[in-house]
Amino acid sequence: MGKTIVAEGKTSTEAIEKGLKELGLTKDCVDIKILEETDKKTFFSILAPRVVKVELTVKDNISKKPEVQEPVKKERKEPTQNDVDKCKENISKFLDSFCKAYGDITYDIEQNEKDLKVIINDDENTKLIGYRGEVINSIQNLVSTIGNKDTDLRVRVSVDIQGYRTKREKTLKELAEKLEKTVKRTGKKITLEPMPAYERKILHTSLQSSKFVTTYSIGEEPHRKLVIERK
């Protein structure tokens, strides 16, 4: 049998993630066993945190951490113009109602080949962007799902508000440069907080030609994290 460790967390998911981070492995590389799930129920310990313990055992024939990059996507089948028109119609119907209910905001839909970009114009844009883009990402997922209802092939849909996407991409590229220097100097790997796939891709792309570091992702969506490690 391979190496075995015990990890703790407030939930089994948190404990497993901590164990995988310590081992530097992905979930499919280990056997997982819930050892202990303790709720403190006495009067004197009622405020004590809930503790979950899990045992992670590295599977046979796995001797080192896999260099896991973002999965290579298969060649995408392009949607037809009918798909794009249907998607645009669905989005327009939804956003007409959304803008009327929300208040004084407007929108435009731009088409680039077979992709659609929704631009929302809102003077108080921070409300629709949210902390680190949480709200705008949720809006994008919602608009994409509604837009692609009844289409034969999925149309790519992006949502931007007051140029947030461009600003965020610039911020992530600057972050990648700083983290590369930090990892190169200290020799210690850095694991970032969970972020959307498109943001991880920006960091991967920014560092793919680096002579000093390599990048890979761990965990499962929506809690997947980027790791930067010295070569």
Protein backbone atom coordinates (compact mmCIF):
# COMPACT_ATOMS: atom_id res chain seq x y z
CA MET A 1 0.00 0.00 0.00
CA GLY A 2 1.07 3.58 -0.58
CA LYS A 3 1.53 6.41 1.84
CA THR A 4 -1.34 7.08 4.27
CA ILE A 5 -2.17 10.34 6.01
CA VAL A 6 -5.02 11.60 8.20
CA ALA A 7 -6.53 15.03 7.55
CA GLU A 8 -9.10 17.07 9.48
CA GLY A 9 -11.67 19.65 8.52
CA LYS A 10 -15.06 21.11 9.40
CA THR A 11 -16.57 18.98 6.64
CA SER A 12 -15.45 15.83 4.84
CA THR A 13 -14.90 17.89 1.67
CA GLU A 14 -12.62 20.33 3.50
CA ALA A 15 -10.68 17.48 5.12
CA ILE A 16 -10.21 15.70 1.79
CA GLU A 17 -9.01 18.88 0.09
CA LYS A 18 -6.47 19.47 2.86
CA GLY A 19 -5.20 15.91 2.54
CA LEU A 20 -4.92 16.12 -1.25
CA LYS A 21 -3.06 19.42 -0.94
CA GLU A 22 -0.59 17.86 1.51
CA LEU A 23 0.00 14.87 -0.77
CA GLY A 24 0.06 16.96 -3.92
CA LEU A 25 -2.34 14.53 -5.60
CA THR A 26 -5.76 14.53 -7.18
CA LYS A 27 -8.78 12.67 -5.83
CA ASP A 28 -8.51 9.78 -8.31
CA CYS A 29 -5.02 8.96 -7.01
CA VAL A 30 -6.08 8.05 -3.46
CA ASP A 31 -8.44 5.82 -1.51
CA ILE A 32 -10.54 7.81 0.98
CA LYS A 33 -12.03 6.61 4.26
CA ILE A 34 -14.05 8.70 6.72
CA LEU A 35 -12.49 7.97 10.12
CA GLU A 36 -14.32 10.24 12.50
CA GLU A 37 -17.13 12.75 12.33
CA THR A 38 -17.45 14.40 15.70
CA ASP A 39 -20.09 16.89 16.84
CA LYS A 40 -19.37 18.41 20.23
CA LYS A 41 -22.70 18.19 22.07
CA THR A 42 -21.91 18.66 25.76
CA PHE A 43 -22.95 21.87 27.47
CA PHE A 44 -19.33 22.96 28.03
CA SER A 45 -18.15 22.17 24.50
CA ILE A 46 -21.15 23.28 22.51
CA LEU A 47 -19.17 26.09 20.89
CA ALA A 48 -16.28 23.82 19.91
CA PRO A 49 -15.89 23.35 16.14
CA ARG A 50 -17.18 20.28 14.35
CA VAL A 51 -14.32 17.96 13.38
CA VAL A 52 -14.25 15.46 10.53
CA LYS A 53 -11.26 13.16 10.07
CA VAL A 54 -10.49 11.32 6.83
CA GLU A 55 -7.80 8.82 5.91
CA LEU A 56 -6.19 9.16 2.49
CA THR A 57 -4.10 6.29 1.13
CA VAL A 58 -2.12 6.68 -2.07
CA LYS A 59 -3.09 4.01 -4.58
CA ASP A 60 -0.52 1.46 -5.76
CA ASN A 61 1.74 2.40 -8.67
CA ILE A 62 1.44 6.12 -7.93
CA SER A 63 4.84 7.33 -6.82
CA LYS A 64 4.67 11.06 -7.38
CA LYS A 65 2.33 13.96 -7.92
CA PRO A 66 0.97 14.09 -11.45
CA GLU A 67 1.60 17.27 -13.37
CA VAL A 68 -2.08 18.02 -13.91
CA GLN A 69 -2.79 20.74 -16.41
CA GLU A 70 -6.21 21.95 -17.46
CA PRO A 71 -7.81 19.18 -19.53
CA VAL A 72 -7.30 19.49 -23.27
CA LYS A 73 -10.65 20.21 -24.82
CA LYS A 74 -11.84 18.27 -27.84
CA GLU A 75 -12.33 20.17 -31.05
CA ARG A 76 -15.52 22.16 -30.72
CA LYS A 77 -18.32 21.78 -33.22
CA GLU A 78 -19.40 25.25 -34.27
CA PRO A 79 -23.06 26.17 -33.76
CA THR A 80 -25.09 27.18 -36.78
CA GLN A 81 -26.33 30.72 -37.37
CA ASN A 82 -29.79 29.46 -36.43
CA ASP A 83 -28.36 28.41 -33.04
CA VAL A 84 -26.81 31.85 -32.59
CA ASP A 85 -30.03 33.63 -33.58
CA LYS A 86 -32.07 31.47 -31.20
CA CYS A 87 -29.59 32.07 -28.37
CA LYS A 88 -29.63 35.81 -28.97
CA GLU A 89 -33.45 35.83 -28.98
CA ASN A 90 -33.59 33.91 -25.68
CA ILE A 91 -31.07 36.24 -24.05
CA SER A 92 -32.92 39.37 -25.24
CA LYS A 93 -36.21 38.16 -23.80
CA PHE A 94 -34.59 37.41 -20.44
CA LEU A 95 -32.60 40.64 -20.23
CA ASP A 96 -35.60 42.78 -21.22
CA SER A 97 -37.41 41.45 -18.14
CA PHE A 98 -34.27 41.59 -15.98
CA CYS A 99 -33.49 45.22 -16.83
CA LYS A 100 -37.11 46.25 -16.26
CA ALA A 101 -37.17 44.58 -12.86
CA TYR A 102 -33.71 45.69 -11.77
CA GLY A 103 -33.98 49.34 -12.70
CA ASP A 104 -32.01 51.80 -14.77
CA ILE A 105 -29.70 49.50 -16.76
CA THR A 106 -29.37 48.72 -20.46
CA TYR A 107 -27.59 46.08 -22.49
CA ASP A 108 -26.10 45.36 -25.90
CA ILE A 109 -25.39 42.01 -27.55
CA GLU A 110 -22.37 41.75 -29.86
CA GLN A 111 -21.67 38.80 -32.16
CA ASN A 112 -18.11 37.72 -32.96
CA GLU A 113 -18.33 34.92 -35.52
CA LYS A 114 -20.46 32.35 -33.62
CA ASP A 115 -19.90 33.74 -30.11
CA LEU A 116 -22.06 36.27 -28.27
CA LYS A 117 -20.92 38.97 -25.86
CA VAL A 118 -23.45 40.67 -23.61
CA ILE A 119 -22.45 44.14 -22.43
CA ILE A 120 -24.47 45.46 -19.50
CA ASN A 121 -24.42 49.21 -18.94
CA ASP A 122 -24.93 50.08 -15.29
CA ASP A 123 -23.67 53.20 -13.52
CA GLU A 124 -23.67 51.33 -10.20
CA ASN A 125 -21.78 48.43 -11.75
CA THR A 126 -20.26 47.11 -8.50
CA LYS A 127 -23.60 45.59 -7.48
CA LEU A 128 -23.70 43.42 -10.60
CA ILE A 129 -20.00 42.54 -10.45
CA GLY A 130 -19.68 41.52 -6.82
CA TYR A 131 -16.64 40.51 -4.81
CA ARG A 132 -14.01 39.19 -7.22
CA GLY A 133 -16.64 38.91 -9.91
CA GLU A 134 -18.89 36.43 -8.09
CA VAL A 135 -22.11 38.16 -9.22
CA ILE A 136 -21.10 38.76 -12.83
CA ASN A 137 -19.92 35.15 -13.12
CA SER A 138 -23.30 33.95 -11.84
CA ILE A 139 -25.09 36.25 -14.28
CA GLN A 140 -22.95 34.89 -17.12
CA ASN A 141 -23.77 31.28 -16.21
CA LEU A 142 -27.48 32.13 -16.00
CA VAL A 143 -27.54 34.04 -19.29
CA SER A 144 -25.60 31.28 -21.06
CA THR A 145 -27.97 28.59 -19.77
CA ILE A 146 -31.09 30.53 -20.76
CA GLY A 147 -29.63 31.52 -24.11
CA ASN A 148 -28.75 27.97 -25.08
CA LYS A 149 -32.18 26.57 -24.29
CA ASP A 150 -33.40 24.63 -27.35
CA THR A 151 -30.23 25.24 -29.40
CA ASP A 152 -28.73 22.22 -31.18
CA LEU A 153 -25.11 23.19 -30.46
CA ARG A 154 -23.96 25.36 -27.56
CA VAL A 155 -23.18 28.99 -28.28
CA ARG A 156 -20.40 30.63 -26.25
CA VAL A 157 -21.81 33.52 -24.22
CA SER A 158 -19.80 36.01 -22.17
CA VAL A 159 -21.05 38.88 -20.03
CA ASP A 160 -19.13 42.07 -19.33
CA ILE A 161 -19.96 45.13 -17.25
CA GLN A 162 -18.07 48.40 -17.70
CA GLY A 163 -14.97 46.61 -19.03
CA TYR A 164 -14.59 44.41 -15.94
CA ARG A 165 -13.33 41.37 -17.88
CA THR A 166 -10.47 43.32 -19.49
CA LYS A 167 -9.46 44.85 -16.16
CA ARG A 168 -9.63 41.45 -14.43
CA GLU A 169 -7.48 39.82 -17.11
CA LYS A 170 -4.82 42.53 -16.67
CA THR A 171 -4.91 42.04 -12.87
CA LEU A 172 -4.47 38.27 -13.21
CA LYS A 173 -1.54 38.63 -15.60
CA GLU A 174 0.16 41.00 -13.16
CA LEU A 175 -0.56 38.53 -10.34
CA ALA A 176 0.98 35.68 -12.36
CA GLU A 177 4.19 37.70 -12.81
CA LYS A 178 4.44 38.47 -9.08
CA LEU A 179 3.76 34.86 -8.05
CA GLU A 180 6.34 33.56 -10.49
CA LYS A 181 8.98 35.75 -8.86
CA THR A 182 7.87 34.67 -5.37
CA VAL A 183 8.02 30.95 -6.16
CA LYS A 184 11.35 31.35 -7.93
CA ARG A 185 12.81 33.18 -4.91
CA THR A 186 11.43 31.01 -2.10
CA GLY A 187 11.20 27.63 -3.81
CA LYS A 188 7.81 27.08 -2.15
CA LYS A 189 4.71 26.25 -4.16
CA ILE A 190 1.69 28.52 -3.91
CA THR A 191 -1.91 27.31 -3.95
CA LEU A 192 -4.43 29.99 -4.84
CA GLU A 193 -8.03 30.28 -3.71
CA PRO A 194 -10.69 28.59 -5.88
CA MET A 195 -11.43 30.50 -9.06
CA PRO A 196 -13.44 30.01 -12.27
CA ALA A 197 -11.94 27.94 -15.08
CA TYR A 198 -11.48 30.93 -17.41
CA GLU A 199 -9.44 32.77 -14.74
CA ARG A 200 -7.24 29.71 -14.12
CA LYS A 201 -6.71 29.52 -17.87
CA ILE A 202 -5.43 33.12 -17.94
CA LEU A 203 -2.86 32.25 -15.25
CA HIS A 204 -1.90 28.97 -16.95
CA THR A 205 -1.40 30.76 -20.27
CA SER A 206 0.59 33.59 -18.68
CA LEU A 207 3.04 31.14 -17.08
CA GLN A 208 3.16 28.31 -19.64
CA SER A 209 6.41 29.59 -21.17
CA SER A 210 8.07 30.30 -17.81
CA LYS A 211 11.55 28.85 -17.34
CA PHE A 212 11.16 28.79 -13.57
CA VAL A 213 7.66 27.58 -12.63
CA THR A 214 4.96 25.15 -13.70
CA THR A 215 1.22 25.29 -13.03
CA TYR A 216 -1.49 22.69 -12.46
CA SER A 217 -4.94 22.51 -10.88
CA ILE A 218 -6.27 20.47 -7.97
CA GLY A 219 -9.70 19.85 -6.50
CA GLU A 220 -13.11 19.68 -8.11
CA GLU A 221 -15.39 22.40 -9.45
CA PRO A 222 -16.47 24.83 -8.17
CA HIS A 223 -13.60 24.65 -5.66
CA ARG A 224 -10.80 23.89 -8.13
CA LYS A 225 -7.55 25.70 -7.32
CA LEU A 226 -4.43 26.66 -9.25
CA VAL A 227 -1.02 25.60 -7.95
CA ILE A 228 2.22 27.31 -8.97
CA GLU A 229 5.39 25.31 -8.32
CA ARG A 230 9.07 25.79 -9.09
CA LYS A 231 10.43 23.56 -11.85
